[in-house]
Amino acid sequence: MQIGAWSGEHSRLMGLDEVGTARTLREHRAVTDALVAQHGGRLVKTTGDGVLLEFPSVVDAVECAIAVQTVMAEVIE
């Protein structure tokens, strides 16, 4: 199972604060990369703020997506 994700705000935010946006993206990726690994996934490709991930099963992919959304909601608040 493959999942693609992106924020859609990367270009606008980079234009406003390149250093801060790059730092935030690195921090968020550190969190999400760990969750992907915990769910048996692997990073296939990155494109700026986008990622293509591969998981051994649909269940692993969905559980990881839920975990990422839960953690990011806490981080953003």
N, C-alpha and C. Protein backbone atom coordinates (compact mmCIF):
# COMPACT_ATOMS: atom_id res chain seq x y z
N MET A 1 0.84 -1.17 0.00
CA MET A 1 0.00 0.00 0.00
C MET A 1 0.89 1.23 0.00
N GLN A 2 0.60 2.19 -0.88
CA GLN A 2 1.36 3.43 -0.92
C GLN A 2 0.45 4.60 -0.53
N ILE A 3 1.02 5.58 0.14
CA ILE A 3 0.31 6.79 0.55
C ILE A 3 1.12 7.99 0.10
N GLY A 4 0.45 8.98 -0.43
CA GLY A 4 1.09 10.25 -0.76
C GLY A 4 0.50 11.32 0.14
N ALA A 5 1.32 12.25 0.60
CA ALA A 5 0.84 13.33 1.46
C ALA A 5 1.65 14.59 1.19
N TRP A 6 1.02 15.72 1.35
CA TRP A 6 1.69 17.01 1.22
C TRP A 6 0.86 18.06 1.94
N SER A 7 1.48 19.15 2.32
CA SER A 7 0.77 20.18 3.08
C SER A 7 0.07 21.18 2.18
N GLY A 8 0.58 21.41 0.99
CA GLY A 8 -0.03 22.39 0.09
C GLY A 8 0.30 23.83 0.43
N GLU A 9 0.99 24.06 1.53
CA GLU A 9 1.32 25.41 1.99
C GLU A 9 2.81 25.70 1.90
N HIS A 10 3.59 24.73 1.50
CA HIS A 10 5.05 24.83 1.54
C HIS A 10 5.57 26.06 0.80
N SER A 11 5.16 26.28 -0.42
CA SER A 11 5.70 27.40 -1.20
C SER A 11 5.37 28.74 -0.56
N ARG A 12 4.13 28.90 -0.12
CA ARG A 12 3.73 30.16 0.50
C ARG A 12 4.53 30.41 1.78
N LEU A 13 4.63 29.38 2.62
CA LEU A 13 5.35 29.54 3.88
C LEU A 13 6.84 29.78 3.66
N MET A 14 7.43 29.11 2.68
CA MET A 14 8.85 29.35 2.37
C MET A 14 9.07 30.79 1.95
N GLY A 15 8.11 31.35 1.22
CA GLY A 15 8.22 32.74 0.81
C GLY A 15 8.16 33.70 1.97
N LEU A 16 7.43 33.34 3.01
CA LEU A 16 7.29 34.20 4.19
C LEU A 16 8.46 34.05 5.16
N ASP A 17 8.95 32.82 5.36
CA ASP A 17 10.00 32.55 6.34
C ASP A 17 10.70 31.25 5.97
N GLU A 18 11.67 31.34 5.10
CA GLU A 18 12.35 30.14 4.59
C GLU A 18 13.03 29.34 5.69
N VAL A 19 13.77 30.02 6.56
CA VAL A 19 14.51 29.33 7.62
C VAL A 19 13.56 28.66 8.60
N GLY A 20 12.55 29.39 9.05
CA GLY A 20 11.59 28.85 10.00
C GLY A 20 10.78 27.71 9.42
N THR A 21 10.38 27.84 8.17
CA THR A 21 9.60 26.79 7.51
C THR A 21 10.44 25.53 7.34
N ALA A 22 11.69 25.67 6.93
CA ALA A 22 12.57 24.51 6.78
C ALA A 22 12.80 23.82 8.12
N ARG A 23 12.97 24.60 9.18
CA ARG A 23 13.16 24.03 10.52
C ARG A 23 11.91 23.27 10.96
N THR A 24 10.75 23.86 10.79
CA THR A 24 9.50 23.21 11.17
C THR A 24 9.28 21.93 10.38
N LEU A 25 9.57 21.97 9.09
CA LEU A 25 9.42 20.78 8.26
C LEU A 25 10.34 19.66 8.75
N ARG A 26 11.58 19.99 9.08
CA ARG A 26 12.51 18.98 9.62
C ARG A 26 12.00 18.39 10.93
N GLU A 27 11.48 19.24 11.81
CA GLU A 27 10.95 18.78 13.09
C GLU A 27 9.75 17.85 12.89
N HIS A 28 8.86 18.23 11.99
CA HIS A 28 7.68 17.40 11.72
C HIS A 28 8.07 16.09 11.06
N ARG A 29 9.02 16.14 10.16
CA ARG A 29 9.48 14.92 9.49
C ARG A 29 10.11 13.96 10.49
N ALA A 30 10.84 14.46 11.47
CA ALA A 30 11.45 13.59 12.49
C ALA A 30 10.36 12.80 13.22
N VAL A 31 9.28 13.47 13.56
CA VAL A 31 8.16 12.83 14.25
C VAL A 31 7.48 11.82 13.32
N THR A 32 7.16 12.24 12.11
CA THR A 32 6.43 11.35 11.21
C THR A 32 7.29 10.19 10.72
N ASP A 33 8.58 10.43 10.51
CA ASP A 33 9.47 9.34 10.09
C ASP A 33 9.50 8.21 11.12
N ALA A 34 9.52 8.59 12.40
CA ALA A 34 9.52 7.58 13.47
C ALA A 34 8.21 6.79 13.45
N LEU A 35 7.09 7.46 13.24
CA LEU A 35 5.80 6.77 13.19
C LEU A 35 5.71 5.83 11.99
N VAL A 36 6.22 6.28 10.87
CA VAL A 36 6.22 5.43 9.67
C VAL A 36 7.01 4.15 9.95
N ALA A 37 8.17 4.30 10.55
CA ALA A 37 9.00 3.12 10.87
C ALA A 37 8.29 2.19 11.86
N GLN A 38 7.64 2.77 12.86
CA GLN A 38 6.92 1.96 13.85
C GLN A 38 5.80 1.14 13.22
N HIS A 39 5.25 1.62 12.12
CA HIS A 39 4.15 0.93 11.45
C HIS A 39 4.62 0.11 10.24
N GLY A 40 5.94 -0.11 10.16
CA GLY A 40 6.49 -0.97 9.12
C GLY A 40 6.57 -0.32 7.75
N GLY A 41 6.45 0.99 7.70
CA GLY A 41 6.49 1.70 6.42
C GLY A 41 7.89 2.09 6.02
N ARG A 42 7.99 2.54 4.79
CA ARG A 42 9.27 3.05 4.31
C ARG A 42 9.02 4.26 3.41
N LEU A 43 9.96 5.18 3.45
CA LEU A 43 9.90 6.38 2.63
C LEU A 43 10.36 6.03 1.22
N VAL A 44 9.51 6.29 0.24
CA VAL A 44 9.85 6.03 -1.15
C VAL A 44 10.46 7.26 -1.79
N LYS A 45 9.85 8.44 -1.51
CA LYS A 45 10.27 9.66 -2.19
C LYS A 45 9.80 10.87 -1.40
N THR A 46 10.60 11.95 -1.44
CA THR A 46 10.17 13.23 -0.89
C THR A 46 10.14 14.26 -2.01
N THR A 47 9.25 15.23 -1.87
CA THR A 47 9.15 16.33 -2.83
C THR A 47 8.82 17.60 -2.07
N GLY A 48 9.85 18.26 -1.54
CA GLY A 48 9.60 19.46 -0.73
C GLY A 48 8.88 19.08 0.54
N ASP A 49 7.60 19.44 0.64
CA ASP A 49 6.83 19.09 1.82
C ASP A 49 5.99 17.84 1.61
N GLY A 50 6.19 17.15 0.50
CA GLY A 50 5.41 15.95 0.20
C GLY A 50 6.21 14.69 0.41
N VAL A 51 5.50 13.60 0.69
CA VAL A 51 6.15 12.30 0.85
C VAL A 51 5.33 11.23 0.15
N LEU A 52 6.01 10.22 -0.33
CA LEU A 52 5.38 9.01 -0.83
C LEU A 52 5.89 7.89 0.06
N LEU A 53 4.96 7.21 0.73
CA LEU A 53 5.29 6.17 1.69
C LEU A 53 4.73 4.84 1.21
N GLU A 54 5.39 3.75 1.60
CA GLU A 54 4.92 2.42 1.26
C GLU A 54 4.81 1.60 2.55
N PHE A 55 3.71 0.86 2.68
CA PHE A 55 3.45 0.02 3.85
C PHE A 55 3.14 -1.39 3.41
N PRO A 56 3.40 -2.36 4.31
CA PRO A 56 3.14 -3.75 3.96
C PRO A 56 1.65 -4.07 3.83
N SER A 57 0.79 -3.27 4.46
CA SER A 57 -0.65 -3.54 4.37
C SER A 57 -1.43 -2.25 4.48
N VAL A 58 -2.68 -2.31 4.07
CA VAL A 58 -3.58 -1.17 4.18
C VAL A 58 -3.80 -0.82 5.65
N VAL A 59 -3.92 -1.84 6.48
CA VAL A 59 -4.13 -1.61 7.92
C VAL A 59 -2.96 -0.82 8.51
N ASP A 60 -1.74 -1.22 8.18
CA ASP A 60 -0.56 -0.48 8.67
C ASP A 60 -0.59 0.96 8.19
N ALA A 61 -0.95 1.17 6.94
CA ALA A 61 -0.99 2.52 6.37
C ALA A 61 -2.03 3.39 7.08
N VAL A 62 -3.20 2.84 7.30
CA VAL A 62 -4.27 3.61 7.96
C VAL A 62 -3.91 3.90 9.41
N GLU A 63 -3.38 2.90 10.11
CA GLU A 63 -2.99 3.11 11.50
C GLU A 63 -1.90 4.18 11.61
N CYS A 64 -0.97 4.17 10.68
CA CYS A 64 0.08 5.19 10.67
C CYS A 64 -0.50 6.57 10.39
N ALA A 65 -1.39 6.65 9.41
CA ALA A 65 -2.02 7.93 9.08
C ALA A 65 -2.76 8.51 10.28
N ILE A 66 -3.47 7.66 11.00
CA ILE A 66 -4.19 8.11 12.19
C ILE A 66 -3.20 8.59 13.26
N ALA A 67 -2.12 7.84 13.46
CA ALA A 67 -1.11 8.22 14.44
C ALA A 67 -0.47 9.56 14.08
N VAL A 68 -0.15 9.75 12.80
CA VAL A 68 0.45 11.01 12.36
C VAL A 68 -0.51 12.17 12.61
N GLN A 69 -1.76 12.00 12.24
CA GLN A 69 -2.75 13.08 12.44
C GLN A 69 -2.91 13.40 13.92
N THR A 70 -2.94 12.38 14.77
CA THR A 70 -3.09 12.59 16.21
C THR A 70 -1.90 13.36 16.78
N VAL A 71 -0.69 12.93 16.44
CA VAL A 71 0.50 13.58 16.96
C VAL A 71 0.63 15.00 16.42
N MET A 72 0.37 15.20 15.13
CA MET A 72 0.52 16.53 14.55
C MET A 72 -0.51 17.49 15.13
N ALA A 73 -1.69 17.02 15.45
CA ALA A 73 -2.70 17.88 16.08
C ALA A 73 -2.19 18.37 17.44
N GLU A 74 -1.50 17.49 18.17
CA GLU A 74 -0.92 17.87 19.47
C GLU A 74 0.24 18.83 19.29
N VAL A 75 1.09 18.58 18.31
CA VAL A 75 2.27 19.42 18.07
C VAL A 75 1.86 20.83 17.65
N ILE A 76 0.86 20.92 16.81
CA ILE A 76 0.43 22.22 16.27
C ILE A 76 -0.24 23.07 17.36
N GLU A 77 -0.91 22.44 18.30
CA GLU A 77 -1.59 23.20 19.36
C GLU A 77 -0.68 23.66 20.42
